[in-house]
Amino acid sequence: MVYTASLTSDFLKQFYGYTRPFHEVEGYRVKQEDDGSTTLFVNGLGVDPSDVTITVKTEYPKTQVLLVSGKTHNDTWGEDFSVDVSFYVRKPIKKIKKSFRSGLIILKMEYDVPVQPEVIIEAE
């Protein structure tokens, strides 16, 4: 069977497909790393990295709020692409490393974990 399409017809949907580990409805994915850090992947498709703002606020005792926001106007579409998400983080954040790749905002969070003093227990 041969399918043809003219410029005025719809695209052939049976030949359309893509694979993503998470979809726009979810908008993010969290990965716990072996070193104790957390990597957060946020869908930032269409948002220019220079327009992304990352802020951390303390809202409750021992809880921080991580805010990821940004908006970029696309002249081709005549519309804005934006991201505006927030996350509760119950560990004190020490450092956030941000990067951007293939439409994803990637945040690697390291925590300020209190050092546990070494306790020596001896038998008498």
PDB file of N, CA and C in Angstrom:
ATOM      1  N   MET A   1       0.844  -1.171   0.000  1.00  0.00           N
ATOM      2  CA  MET A   1       0.000   0.000   0.000  1.00  0.00           C
ATOM      3  C   MET A   1       0.890   1.236   0.000  1.00  0.00           C
ATOM      4  N   VAL A   2       0.580   2.207  -0.818  1.00  0.00           N
ATOM      5  CA  VAL A   2       1.354   3.436  -0.923  1.00  0.00           C
ATOM      6  C   VAL A   2       0.504   4.585  -0.400  1.00  0.00           C
ATOM      7  N   TYR A   3       1.097   5.358   0.504  1.00  0.00           N
ATOM      8  CA  TYR A   3       0.403   6.526   1.025  1.00  0.00           C
ATOM      9  C   TYR A   3       0.984   7.768   0.377  1.00  0.00           C
ATOM     10  N   THR A   4       0.126   8.647  -0.007  1.00  0.00           N
ATOM     11  CA  THR A   4       0.578   9.930  -0.542  1.00  0.00           C
ATOM     12  C   THR A   4      -0.143  11.036   0.194  1.00  0.00           C
ATOM     13  N   ALA A   5       0.480  12.171   0.256  1.00  0.00           N
ATOM     14  CA  ALA A   5      -0.144  13.315   0.916  1.00  0.00           C
ATOM     15  C   ALA A   5       0.168  14.554   0.109  1.00  0.00           C
ATOM     16  N   SER A   6      -0.795  15.388  -0.003  1.00  0.00           N
ATOM     17  CA  SER A   6      -0.549  16.661  -0.669  1.00  0.00           C
ATOM     18  C   SER A   6      -0.232  17.691   0.400  1.00  0.00           C
ATOM     19  N   LEU A   7       0.197  18.853  -0.023  1.00  0.00           N
ATOM     20  CA  LEU A   7       0.530  19.902   0.942  1.00  0.00           C
ATOM     21  C   LEU A   7      -0.703  20.409   1.675  1.00  0.00           C
ATOM     22  N   THR A   8      -1.886  20.149   1.144  1.00  0.00           N
ATOM     23  CA  THR A   8      -3.097  20.640   1.787  1.00  0.00           C
ATOM     24  C   THR A   8      -3.732  19.611   2.713  1.00  0.00           C
ATOM     25  N   SER A   9      -3.246  18.350   2.699  1.00  0.00           N
ATOM     26  CA  SER A   9      -3.836  17.328   3.561  1.00  0.00           C
ATOM     27  C   SER A   9      -3.113  17.278   4.902  1.00  0.00           C
ATOM     28  N   ASP A  10      -3.711  16.556   5.836  1.00  0.00           N
ATOM     29  CA  ASP A  10      -3.080  16.362   7.138  1.00  0.00           C
ATOM     30  C   ASP A  10      -1.867  15.458   6.980  1.00  0.00           C
ATOM     31  N   PHE A  11      -0.961  15.564   7.926  1.00  0.00           N
ATOM     32  CA  PHE A  11       0.165  14.636   7.943  1.00  0.00           C
ATOM     33  C   PHE A  11      -0.348  13.241   8.266  1.00  0.00           C
ATOM     34  N   LEU A  12       0.339  12.243   7.792  1.00  0.00           N
ATOM     35  CA  LEU A  12      -0.072  10.864   8.025  1.00  0.00           C
ATOM     36  C   LEU A  12       0.336  10.446   9.433  1.00  0.00           C
ATOM     37  N   LYS A  13      -0.629  10.363  10.317  1.00  0.00           N
ATOM     38  CA  LYS A  13      -0.341  10.131  11.735  1.00  0.00           C
ATOM     39  C   LYS A  13       0.210   8.744  12.007  1.00  0.00           C
ATOM     40  N   GLN A  14      -0.045   7.771  11.133  1.00  0.00           N
ATOM     41  CA  GLN A  14       0.490   6.443  11.381  1.00  0.00           C
ATOM     42  C   GLN A  14       2.009   6.405  11.215  1.00  0.00           C
ATOM     43  N   PHE A  15       2.594   7.453  10.654  1.00  0.00           N
ATOM     44  CA  PHE A  15       4.041   7.536  10.492  1.00  0.00           C
ATOM     45  C   PHE A  15       4.661   8.537  11.462  1.00  0.00           C
ATOM     46  N   TYR A  16       3.930   8.870  12.494  1.00  0.00           N
ATOM     47  CA  TYR A  16       4.396   9.853  13.472  1.00  0.00           C
ATOM     48  C   TYR A  16       4.615   9.141  14.795  1.00  0.00           C
ATOM     49  N   GLY A  17       5.754   9.360  15.409  1.00  0.00           N
ATOM     50  CA  GLY A  17       5.995   8.764  16.709  1.00  0.00           C
ATOM     51  C   GLY A  17       7.233   9.339  17.363  1.00  0.00           C
ATOM     52  N   TYR A  18       7.300   9.239  18.667  1.00  0.00           N
ATOM     53  CA  TYR A  18       8.469   9.676  19.410  1.00  0.00           C
ATOM     54  C   TYR A  18       8.493   8.928  20.742  1.00  0.00           C
ATOM     55  N   THR A  19       9.655   8.898  21.358  1.00  0.00           N
ATOM     56  CA  THR A  19       9.814   8.249  22.653  1.00  0.00           C
ATOM     57  C   THR A  19      10.472   9.240  23.603  1.00  0.00           C
ATOM     58  N   ARG A  20       9.884   9.412  24.763  1.00  0.00           N
ATOM     59  CA  ARG A  20      10.448  10.266  25.808  1.00  0.00           C
ATOM     60  C   ARG A  20      10.274   9.554  27.137  1.00  0.00           C
ATOM     61  N   PRO A  21      11.259   9.691  28.043  1.00  0.00           N
ATOM     62  CA  PRO A  21      11.121   9.013  29.341  1.00  0.00           C
ATOM     63  C   PRO A  21      10.040   9.634  30.222  1.00  0.00           C
ATOM     64  N   PHE A  22       9.702  10.885  29.971  1.00  0.00           N
ATOM     65  CA  PHE A  22       8.571  11.510  30.656  1.00  0.00           C
ATOM     66  C   PHE A  22       7.936  12.507  29.700  1.00  0.00           C
ATOM     67  N   HIS A  23       6.663  12.745  29.900  1.00  0.00           N
ATOM     68  CA  HIS A  23       5.901  13.570  28.972  1.00  0.00           C
ATOM     69  C   HIS A  23       5.662  14.964  29.539  1.00  0.00           C
ATOM     70  N   GLU A  24       5.149  15.855  28.704  1.00  0.00           N
ATOM     71  CA  GLU A  24       4.930  17.240  29.090  1.00  0.00           C
ATOM     72  C   GLU A  24       3.999  17.375  30.288  1.00  0.00           C
ATOM     73  N   VAL A  25       3.050  16.447  30.416  1.00  0.00           N
ATOM     74  CA  VAL A  25       2.112  16.515  31.531  1.00  0.00           C
ATOM     75  C   VAL A  25       2.842  16.333  32.858  1.00  0.00           C
ATOM     76  N   GLU A  26       3.807  15.406  32.899  1.00  0.00           N
ATOM     77  CA  GLU A  26       4.584  15.200  34.118  1.00  0.00           C
ATOM     78  C   GLU A  26       5.546  16.357  34.322  1.00  0.00           C
ATOM     79  N   GLY A  27       6.300  16.697  33.288  1.00  0.00           N
ATOM     80  CA  GLY A  27       7.160  17.868  33.324  1.00  0.00           C
ATOM     81  C   GLY A  27       8.508  17.728  34.009  1.00  0.00           C
ATOM     82  N   TYR A  28       8.715  16.664  34.786  1.00  0.00           N
ATOM     83  CA  TYR A  28      10.003  16.514  35.459  1.00  0.00           C
ATOM     84  C   TYR A  28      10.243  15.051  35.807  1.00  0.00           C
ATOM     85  N   ARG A  29      11.491  14.761  36.135  1.00  0.00           N
ATOM     86  CA  ARG A  29      11.886  13.432  36.592  1.00  0.00           C
ATOM     87  C   ARG A  29      12.986  13.627  37.627  1.00  0.00           C
ATOM     88  N   VAL A  30      12.966  12.843  38.694  1.00  0.00           N
ATOM     89  CA  VAL A  30      13.947  12.934  39.775  1.00  0.00           C
ATOM     90  C   VAL A  30      14.770  11.650  39.800  1.00  0.00           C
ATOM     91  N   LYS A  31      16.095  11.805  39.925  1.00  0.00           N
ATOM     92  CA  LYS A  31      16.982  10.648  40.013  1.00  0.00           C
ATOM     93  C   LYS A  31      17.867  10.803  41.241  1.00  0.00           C
ATOM     94  N   GLN A  32      17.808   9.827  42.134  1.00  0.00           N
ATOM     95  CA  GLN A  32      18.673   9.826  43.312  1.00  0.00           C
ATOM     96  C   GLN A  32      20.001   9.200  42.910  1.00  0.00           C
ATOM     97  N   GLU A  33      21.083   9.913  43.133  1.00  0.00           N
ATOM     98  CA  GLU A  33      22.413   9.434  42.744  1.00  0.00           C
ATOM     99  C   GLU A  33      23.046   8.641  43.878  1.00  0.00           C
ATOM    100  N   ASP A  34      24.017   7.792  43.537  1.00  0.00           N
ATOM    101  CA  ASP A  34      24.704   6.958  44.527  1.00  0.00           C
ATOM    102  C   ASP A  34      25.505   7.777  45.540  1.00  0.00           C
ATOM    103  N   ASP A  35      25.939   8.981  45.151  1.00  0.00           N
ATOM    104  CA  ASP A  35      26.737   9.816  46.055  1.00  0.00           C
ATOM    105  C   ASP A  35      25.878  10.632  47.021  1.00  0.00           C
ATOM    106  N   GLY A  36      24.552  10.407  47.021  1.00  0.00           N
ATOM    107  CA  GLY A  36      23.663  11.126  47.933  1.00  0.00           C
ATOM    108  C   GLY A  36      23.056  12.374  47.335  1.00  0.00           C
ATOM    109  N   SER A  37      23.509  12.781  46.172  1.00  0.00           N
ATOM    110  CA  SER A  37      22.941  13.959  45.519  1.00  0.00           C
ATOM    111  C   SER A  37      21.669  13.573  44.759  1.00  0.00           C
ATOM    112  N   THR A  38      20.962  14.566  44.293  1.00  0.00           N
ATOM    113  CA  THR A  38      19.742  14.363  43.519  1.00  0.00           C
ATOM    114  C   THR A  38      19.871  15.107  42.203  1.00  0.00           C
ATOM    115  N   THR A  39      19.509  14.458  41.098  1.00  0.00           N
ATOM    116  CA  THR A  39      19.475  15.129  39.807  1.00  0.00           C
ATOM    117  C   THR A  39      18.019  15.287  39.403  1.00  0.00           C
ATOM    118  N   LEU A  40      17.658  16.517  39.088  1.00  0.00           N
ATOM    119  CA  LEU A  40      16.295  16.860  38.702  1.00  0.00           C
ATOM    120  C   LEU A  40      16.298  17.267  37.232  1.00  0.00           C
ATOM    121  N   PHE A  41      15.475  16.607  36.426  1.00  0.00           N
ATOM    122  CA  PHE A  41      15.345  16.921  35.013  1.00  0.00           C
ATOM    123  C   PHE A  41      13.992  17.602  34.823  1.00  0.00           C
ATOM    124  N   VAL A  42      13.992  18.836  34.334  1.00  0.00           N
ATOM    125  CA  VAL A  42      12.758  19.603  34.138  1.00  0.00           C
ATOM    126  C   VAL A  42      12.589  19.879  32.648  1.00  0.00           C
ATOM    127  N   ASN A  43      11.379  19.668  32.139  1.00  0.00           N
ATOM    128  CA  ASN A  43      11.093  19.940  30.736  1.00  0.00           C
ATOM    129  C   ASN A  43      11.110  21.457  30.520  1.00  0.00           C
ATOM    130  N   GLY A  44      12.097  21.923  29.762  1.00  0.00           N
ATOM    131  CA  GLY A  44      12.217  23.344  29.463  1.00  0.00           C
ATOM    132  C   GLY A  44      12.185  23.601  27.965  1.00  0.00           C
ATOM    133  N   LEU A  45      11.495  22.732  27.225  1.00  0.00           N
ATOM    134  CA  LEU A  45      11.449  22.838  25.772  1.00  0.00           C
ATOM    135  C   LEU A  45      10.966  24.214  25.339  1.00  0.00           C
ATOM    136  N   GLY A  46      11.758  24.880  24.516  1.00  0.00           N
ATOM    137  CA  GLY A  46      11.392  26.183  23.985  1.00  0.00           C
ATOM    138  C   GLY A  46      11.803  27.360  24.848  1.00  0.00           C
ATOM    139  N   VAL A  47      12.280  27.094  26.066  1.00  0.00           N
ATOM    140  CA  VAL A  47      12.710  28.171  26.965  1.00  0.00           C
ATOM    141  C   VAL A  47      14.221  28.322  26.843  1.00  0.00           C
ATOM    142  N   ASP A  48      14.667  29.518  26.523  1.00  0.00           N
ATOM    143  CA  ASP A  48      16.092  29.781  26.368  1.00  0.00           C
ATOM    144  C   ASP A  48      16.788  29.672  27.726  1.00  0.00           C
ATOM    145  N   PRO A  49      17.938  28.999  27.793  1.00  0.00           N
ATOM    146  CA  PRO A  49      18.645  28.867  29.075  1.00  0.00           C
ATOM    147  C   PRO A  49      18.911  30.200  29.774  1.00  0.00           C
ATOM    148  N   SER A  50      19.136  31.268  29.018  1.00  0.00           N
ATOM    149  CA  SER A  50      19.397  32.572  29.648  1.00  0.00           C
ATOM    150  C   SER A  50      18.148  33.149  30.318  1.00  0.00           C
ATOM    151  N   ASP A  51      16.979  32.614  30.005  1.00  0.00           N
ATOM    152  CA  ASP A  51      15.730  33.098  30.606  1.00  0.00           C
ATOM    153  C   ASP A  51      15.294  32.282  31.823  1.00  0.00           C
ATOM    154  N   VAL A  52      16.056  31.245  32.176  1.00  0.00           N
ATOM    155  CA  VAL A  52      15.685  30.370  33.291  1.00  0.00           C
ATOM    156  C   VAL A  52      16.255  30.917  34.593  1.00  0.00           C
ATOM    157  N   THR A  53      15.399  30.982  35.607  1.00  0.00           N
ATOM    158  CA  THR A  53      15.791  31.435  36.933  1.00  0.00           C
ATOM    159  C   THR A  53      15.575  30.300  37.926  1.00  0.00           C
ATOM    160  N   ILE A  54      16.591  30.059  38.750  1.00  0.00           N
ATOM    161  CA  ILE A  54      16.511  29.045  39.799  1.00  0.00           C
ATOM    162  C   ILE A  54      16.620  29.778  41.135  1.00  0.00           C
ATOM    163  N   THR A  55      15.642  29.598  42.005  1.00  0.00           N
ATOM    164  CA  THR A  55      15.698  30.217  43.334  1.00  0.00           C
ATOM    165  C   THR A  55      15.349  29.173  44.393  1.00  0.00           C
ATOM    166  N   VAL A  56      15.890  29.388  45.582  1.00  0.00           N
ATOM    167  CA  VAL A  56      15.610  28.517  46.718  1.00  0.00           C
ATOM    168  C   VAL A  56      15.171  29.402  47.868  1.00  0.00           C
ATOM    169  N   LYS A  57      14.020  29.079  48.438  1.00  0.00           N
ATOM    170  CA  LYS A  57      13.485  29.839  49.567  1.00  0.00           C
ATOM    171  C   LYS A  57      13.195  28.888  50.716  1.00  0.00           C
ATOM    172  N   THR A  58      13.376  29.381  51.928  1.00  0.00           N
ATOM    173  CA  THR A  58      12.998  28.605  53.103  1.00  0.00           C
ATOM    174  C   THR A  58      11.590  29.023  53.473  1.00  0.00           C
ATOM    175  N   GLU A  59      10.676  28.066  53.398  1.00  0.00           N
ATOM    176  CA  GLU A  59       9.274  28.379  53.653  1.00  0.00           C
ATOM    177  C   GLU A  59       8.824  27.882  55.018  1.00  0.00           C
ATOM    178  N   TYR A  60       9.262  26.709  55.380  1.00  0.00           N
ATOM    179  CA  TYR A  60       8.939  26.110  56.673  1.00  0.00           C
ATOM    180  C   TYR A  60      10.248  25.695  57.320  1.00  0.00           C
ATOM    181  N   PRO A  61      10.244  25.520  58.647  1.00  0.00           N
ATOM    182  CA  PRO A  61      11.466  25.014  59.262  1.00  0.00           C
ATOM    183  C   PRO A  61      11.867  23.676  58.633  1.00  0.00           C
ATOM    184  N   LYS A  62      13.121  23.564  58.287  1.00  0.00           N
ATOM    185  CA  LYS A  62      13.708  22.349  57.706  1.00  0.00           C
ATOM    186  C   LYS A  62      13.152  21.998  56.329  1.00  0.00           C
ATOM    187  N   THR A  63      12.483  22.914  55.667  1.00  0.00           N
ATOM    188  CA  THR A  63      11.974  22.665  54.322  1.00  0.00           C
ATOM    189  C   THR A  63      12.296  23.855  53.431  1.00  0.00           C
ATOM    190  N   GLN A  64      12.888  23.567  52.289  1.00  0.00           N
ATOM    191  CA  GLN A  64      13.174  24.598  51.303  1.00  0.00           C
ATOM    192  C   GLN A  64      12.273  24.397  50.097  1.00  0.00           C
ATOM    193  N   VAL A  65      12.018  25.483  49.390  1.00  0.00           N
ATOM    194  CA  VAL A  65      11.242  25.415  48.161  1.00  0.00           C
ATOM    195  C   VAL A  65      12.171  25.792  47.016  1.00  0.00           C
ATOM    196  N   LEU A  66      12.313  24.886  46.062  1.00  0.00           N
ATOM    197  CA  LEU A  66      13.115  25.110  44.867  1.00  0.00           C
ATOM    198  C   LEU A  66      12.169  25.555  43.762  1.00  0.00           C
ATOM    199  N   LEU A  67      12.415  26.741  43.202  1.00  0.00           N
ATOM    200  CA  LEU A  67      11.570  27.276  42.135  1.00  0.00           C
ATOM    201  C   LEU A  67      12.361  27.339  40.841  1.00  0.00           C
ATOM    202  N   VAL A  68      11.782  26.803  39.772  1.00  0.00           N
ATOM    203  CA  VAL A  68      12.373  26.842  38.442  1.00  0.00           C
ATOM    204  C   VAL A  68      11.389  27.589  37.557  1.00  0.00           C
ATOM    205  N   SER A  69      11.815  28.728  37.007  1.00  0.00           N
ATOM    206  CA  SER A  69      10.898  29.508  36.184  1.00  0.00           C
ATOM    207  C   SER A  69      11.641  30.154  35.023  1.00  0.00           C
ATOM    208  N   GLY A  70      10.890  30.439  33.991  1.00  0.00           N
ATOM    209  CA  GLY A  70      11.459  31.107  32.840  1.00  0.00           C
ATOM    210  C   GLY A  70      10.437  31.214  31.724  1.00  0.00           C
ATOM    211  N   LYS A  71      10.633  32.207  30.860  1.00  0.00           N
ATOM    212  CA  LYS A  71       9.722  32.405  29.736  1.00  0.00           C
ATOM    213  C   LYS A  71      10.497  32.989  28.571  1.00  0.00           C
ATOM    214  N   THR A  72      10.272  32.426  27.377  1.00  0.00           N
ATOM    215  CA  THR A  72      10.915  32.901  26.160  1.00  0.00           C
ATOM    216  C   THR A  72       9.851  33.080  25.086  1.00  0.00           C
ATOM    217  N   HIS A  73       9.869  34.231  24.430  1.00  0.00           N
ATOM    218  CA  HIS A  73       8.929  34.471  23.332  1.00  0.00           C
ATOM    219  C   HIS A  73       9.504  33.890  22.043  1.00  0.00           C
ATOM    220  N   ASN A  74       8.696  33.117  21.330  1.00  0.00           N
ATOM    221  CA  ASN A  74       9.102  32.521  20.067  1.00  0.00           C
ATOM    222  C   ASN A  74       8.448  33.314  18.938  1.00  0.00           C
ATOM    223  N   ASP A  75       9.279  34.005  18.158  1.00  0.00           N
ATOM    224  CA  ASP A  75       8.760  34.842  17.085  1.00  0.00           C
ATOM    225  C   ASP A  75       8.120  34.036  15.959  1.00  0.00           C
ATOM    226  N   THR A  76       8.602  32.842  15.712  1.00  0.00           N
ATOM    227  CA  THR A  76       8.035  32.008  14.654  1.00  0.00           C
ATOM    228  C   THR A  76       6.594  31.624  14.966  1.00  0.00           C
ATOM    229  N   TRP A  77       6.347  31.219  16.202  1.00  0.00           N
ATOM    230  CA  TRP A  77       5.004  30.822  16.616  1.00  0.00           C
ATOM    231  C   TRP A  77       4.177  32.013  17.091  1.00  0.00           C
ATOM    232  N   GLY A  78       4.857  33.082  17.471  1.00  0.00           N
ATOM    233  CA  GLY A  78       4.144  34.236  18.017  1.00  0.00           C
ATOM    234  C   GLY A  78       3.587  33.973  19.400  1.00  0.00           C
ATOM    235  N   GLU A  79       4.202  33.037  20.121  1.00  0.00           N
ATOM    236  CA  GLU A  79       3.732  32.666  21.454  1.00  0.00           C
ATOM    237  C   GLU A  79       4.905  32.533  22.408  1.00  0.00           C
ATOM    238  N   ASP A  80       4.574  32.457  23.701  1.00  0.00           N
ATOM    239  CA  ASP A  80       5.591  32.271  24.729  1.00  0.00           C
ATOM    240  C   ASP A  80       5.702  30.800  25.102  1.00  0.00           C
ATOM    241  N   PHE A  81       6.930  30.355  25.341  1.00  0.00           N
ATOM    242  CA  PHE A  81       7.201  29.054  25.927  1.00  0.00           C
ATOM    243  C   PHE A  81       7.641  29.341  27.358  1.00  0.00           C
ATOM    244  N   SER A  82       7.110  28.601  28.325  1.00  0.00           N
ATOM    245  CA  SER A  82       7.464  28.915  29.714  1.00  0.00           C
ATOM    246  C   SER A  82       7.556  27.651  30.556  1.00  0.00           C
ATOM    247  N   VAL A  83       8.209  27.818  31.687  1.00  0.00           N
ATOM    248  CA  VAL A  83       8.280  26.785  32.715  1.00  0.00           C
ATOM    249  C   VAL A  83       8.107  27.494  34.054  1.00  0.00           C
ATOM    250  N   ASP A  84       7.340  26.881  34.932  1.00  0.00           N
ATOM    251  CA  ASP A  84       7.103  27.458  36.254  1.00  0.00           C
ATOM    252  C   ASP A  84       6.716  26.317  37.190  1.00  0.00           C
ATOM    253  N   VAL A  85       7.715  25.740  37.849  1.00  0.00           N
ATOM    254  CA  VAL A  85       7.474  24.608  38.748  1.00  0.00           C
ATOM    255  C   VAL A  85       8.198  24.843  40.070  1.00  0.00           C
ATOM    256  N   SER A  86       7.685  24.228  41.116  1.00  0.00           N
ATOM    257  CA  SER A  86       8.338  24.336  42.415  1.00  0.00           C
ATOM    258  C   SER A  86       8.315  22.970  43.096  1.00  0.00           C
ATOM    259  N   PHE A  87       9.309  22.755  43.951  1.00  0.00           N
ATOM    260  CA  PHE A  87       9.485  21.473  44.625  1.00  0.00           C
ATOM    261  C   PHE A  87       9.816  21.734  46.091  1.00  0.00           C
ATOM    262  N   TYR A  88       9.236  20.944  46.985  1.00  0.00           N
ATOM    263  CA  TYR A  88       9.640  20.968  48.383  1.00  0.00           C
ATOM    264  C   TYR A  88      10.868  20.082  48.538  1.00  0.00           C
ATOM    265  N   VAL A  89      11.890  20.595  49.218  1.00  0.00           N
ATOM    266  CA  VAL A  89      13.115  19.842  49.466  1.00  0.00           C
ATOM    267  C   VAL A  89      13.327  19.829  50.970  1.00  0.00           C
ATOM    268  N   ARG A  90      13.365  18.634  51.541  1.00  0.00           N
ATOM    269  CA  ARG A  90      13.443  18.519  52.997  1.00  0.00           C
ATOM    270  C   ARG A  90      14.861  18.357  53.528  1.00  0.00           C
ATOM    271  N   LYS A  91      15.846  18.350  52.629  1.00  0.00           N
ATOM    272  CA  LYS A  91      17.246  18.335  53.051  1.00  0.00           C
ATOM    273  C   LYS A  91      17.813  19.719  52.762  1.00  0.00           C
ATOM    274  N   PRO A  92      18.711  20.219  53.611  1.00  0.00           N
ATOM    275  CA  PRO A  92      19.308  21.532  53.324  1.00  0.00           C
ATOM    276  C   PRO A  92      20.220  21.463  52.097  1.00  0.00           C
ATOM    277  N   ILE A  93      19.913  22.276  51.096  1.00  0.00           N
ATOM    278  CA  ILE A  93      20.679  22.275  49.854  1.00  0.00           C
ATOM    279  C   ILE A  93      21.971  23.056  50.057  1.00  0.00           C
ATOM    280  N   LYS A  94      23.080  22.432  49.690  1.00  0.00           N
ATOM    281  CA  LYS A  94      24.389  23.075  49.786  1.00  0.00           C
ATOM    282  C   LYS A  94      24.757  23.745  48.467  1.00  0.00           C
ATOM    283  N   LYS A  95      24.509  23.047  47.347  1.00  0.00           N
ATOM    284  CA  LYS A  95      24.921  23.560  46.042  1.00  0.00           C
ATOM    285  C   LYS A  95      24.003  22.996  44.965  1.00  0.00           C
ATOM    286  N   ILE A  96      23.737  23.802  43.940  1.00  0.00           N
ATOM    287  CA  ILE A  96      22.991  23.341  42.766  1.00  0.00           C
ATOM    288  C   ILE A  96      23.841  23.633  41.537  1.00  0.00           C
ATOM    289  N   LYS A  97      24.092  22.593  40.754  1.00  0.00           N
ATOM    290  CA  LYS A  97      24.784  22.748  39.476  1.00  0.00           C
ATOM    291  C   LYS A  97      23.730  22.647  38.384  1.00  0.00           C
ATOM    292  N   LYS A  98      23.629  23.679  37.545  1.00  0.00           N
ATOM    293  CA  LYS A  98      22.607  23.642  36.499  1.00  0.00           C
ATOM    294  C   LYS A  98      23.251  23.519  35.129  1.00  0.00           C
ATOM    295  N   SER A  99      22.560  22.789  34.265  1.00  0.00           N
ATOM    296  CA  SER A  99      22.989  22.646  32.880  1.00  0.00           C
ATOM    297  C   SER A  99      21.734  22.499  32.027  1.00  0.00           C
ATOM    298  N   PHE A 100      21.918  22.625  30.725  1.00  0.00           N
ATOM    299  CA  PHE A 100      20.806  22.555  29.788  1.00  0.00           C
ATOM    300  C   PHE A 100      21.212  21.647  28.641  1.00  0.00           C
ATOM    301  N   ARG A 101      20.323  20.706  28.309  1.00  0.00           N
ATOM    302  CA  ARG A 101      20.643  19.788  27.221  1.00  0.00           C
ATOM    303  C   ARG A 101      19.347  19.287  26.582  1.00  0.00           C
ATOM    304  N   SER A 102      19.246  19.470  25.290  1.00  0.00           N
ATOM    305  CA  SER A 102      18.131  18.927  24.491  1.00  0.00           C
ATOM    306  C   SER A 102      16.762  19.302  25.050  1.00  0.00           C
ATOM    307  N   GLY A 103      16.592  20.547  25.462  1.00  0.00           N
ATOM    308  CA  GLY A 103      15.303  20.995  25.974  1.00  0.00           C
ATOM    309  C   GLY A 103      15.051  20.674  27.434  1.00  0.00           C
ATOM    310  N   LEU A 104      16.045  20.104  28.112  1.00  0.00           N
ATOM    311  CA  LEU A 104      15.901  19.784  29.530  1.00  0.00           C
ATOM    312  C   LEU A 104      16.729  20.738  30.374  1.00  0.00           C
ATOM    313  N   ILE A 105      16.164  21.139  31.488  1.00  0.00           N
ATOM    314  CA  ILE A 105      16.889  21.886  32.513  1.00  0.00           C
ATOM    315  C   ILE A 105      17.345  20.825  33.512  1.00  0.00           C
ATOM    316  N   ILE A 106      18.651  20.709  33.705  1.00  0.00           N
ATOM    317  CA  ILE A 106      19.195  19.654  34.564  1.00  0.00           C
ATOM    318  C   ILE A 106      19.816  20.302  35.795  1.00  0.00           C
ATOM    319  N   LEU A 107      19.300  19.929  36.961  1.00  0.00           N
ATOM    320  CA  LEU A 107      19.784  20.484  38.225  1.00  0.00           C
ATOM    321  C   LEU A 107      20.318  19.351  39.088  1.00  0.00           C
ATOM    322  N   LYS A 108      21.599  19.435  39.440  1.00  0.00           N
ATOM    323  CA  LYS A 108      22.189  18.445  40.347  1.00  0.00           C
ATOM    324  C   LYS A 108      22.336  19.120  41.707  1.00  0.00           C
ATOM    325  N   MET A 109      21.631  18.582  42.693  1.00  0.00           N
ATOM    326  CA  MET A 109      21.618  19.179  44.021  1.00  0.00           C
ATOM    327  C   MET A 109      22.479  18.373  44.977  1.00  0.00           C
ATOM    328  N   GLU A 110      23.373  19.073  45.652  1.00  0.00           N
ATOM    329  CA  GLU A 110      24.162  18.475  46.716  1.00  0.00           C
ATOM    330  C   GLU A 110      23.631  19.036  48.023  1.00  0.00           C
ATOM    331  N   TYR A 111      23.637  18.208  49.050  1.00  0.00           N
ATOM    332  CA  TYR A 111      23.026  18.600  50.314  1.00  0.00           C
ATOM    333  C   TYR A 111      24.069  18.858  51.381  1.00  0.00           C
ATOM    334  N   ASP A 112      23.709  19.732  52.303  1.00  0.00           N
ATOM    335  CA  ASP A 112      24.553  20.044  53.446  1.00  0.00           C
ATOM    336  C   ASP A 112      24.158  19.091  54.570  1.00  0.00           C
ATOM    337  N   VAL A 113      24.701  17.895  54.503  1.00  0.00           N
ATOM    338  CA  VAL A 113      24.365  16.868  55.479  1.00  0.00           C
ATOM    339  C   VAL A 113      25.265  17.052  56.691  1.00  0.00           C
ATOM    340  N   PRO A 114      24.673  17.155  57.879  1.00  0.00           N
ATOM    341  CA  PRO A 114      25.512  17.328  59.062  1.00  0.00           C
ATOM    342  C   PRO A 114      26.452  16.140  59.254  1.00  0.00           C
ATOM    343  N   VAL A 115      27.665  16.447  59.634  1.00  0.00           N
ATOM    344  CA  VAL A 115      28.661  15.401  59.868  1.00  0.00           C
ATOM    345  C   VAL A 115      28.340  14.729  61.196  1.00  0.00           C
ATOM    346  N   GLN A 116      28.250  13.415  61.145  1.00  0.00           N
ATOM    347  CA  GLN A 116      27.994  12.659  62.376  1.00  0.00           C
ATOM    348  C   GLN A 116      29.327  12.424  63.082  1.00  0.00           C
ATOM    349  N   PRO A 117      29.448  12.842  64.327  1.00  0.00           N
ATOM    350  CA  PRO A 117      30.725  12.599  65.015  1.00  0.00           C
ATOM    351  C   PRO A 117      30.926  11.097  65.214  1.00  0.00           C
ATOM    352  N   GLU A 118      32.176  10.724  65.107  1.00  0.00           N
ATOM    353  CA  GLU A 118      32.510   9.317  65.283  1.00  0.00           C
ATOM    354  C   GLU A 118      32.446   9.000  66.780  1.00  0.00           C
ATOM    355  N   VAL A 119      31.706   8.005  67.107  1.00  0.00           N
ATOM    356  CA  VAL A 119      31.536   7.611  68.506  1.00  0.00           C
ATOM    357  C   VAL A 119      32.286   6.296  68.706  1.00  0.00           C
ATOM    358  N   ILE A 120      33.210   6.316  69.665  1.00  0.00           N
ATOM    359  CA  ILE A 120      33.973   5.111  69.964  1.00  0.00           C
ATOM    360  C   ILE A 120      33.324   4.429  71.156  1.00  0.00           C
ATOM    361  N   ILE A 121      33.007   3.165  70.975  1.00  0.00           N
ATOM    362  CA  ILE A 121      32.404   2.387  72.061  1.00  0.00           C
ATOM    363  C   ILE A 121      33.387   1.263  72.406  1.00  0.00           C
ATOM    364  N   GLU A 122      33.775   1.224  73.687  1.00  0.00           N
ATOM    365  CA  GLU A 122      34.733   0.221  74.144  1.00  0.00           C
ATOM    366  C   GLU A 122      34.109  -0.628  75.231  1.00  0.00           C
ATOM    367  N   ALA A 123      34.497  -1.867  75.241  1.00  0.00           N
ATOM    368  CA  ALA A 123      34.045  -2.757  76.328  1.00  0.00           C
ATOM    369  C   ALA A 123      34.995  -2.595  77.506  1.00  0.00           C
ATOM    370  N   GLU A 124      34.465  -2.709  78.702  1.00  0.00           N
ATOM    371  CA  GLU A 124      35.309  -2.580  79.892  1.00  0.00           C
ATOM    372  C   GLU A 124      35.772  -3.931  80.357  1.00  0.00           C
TER     373      GLU A 124
END
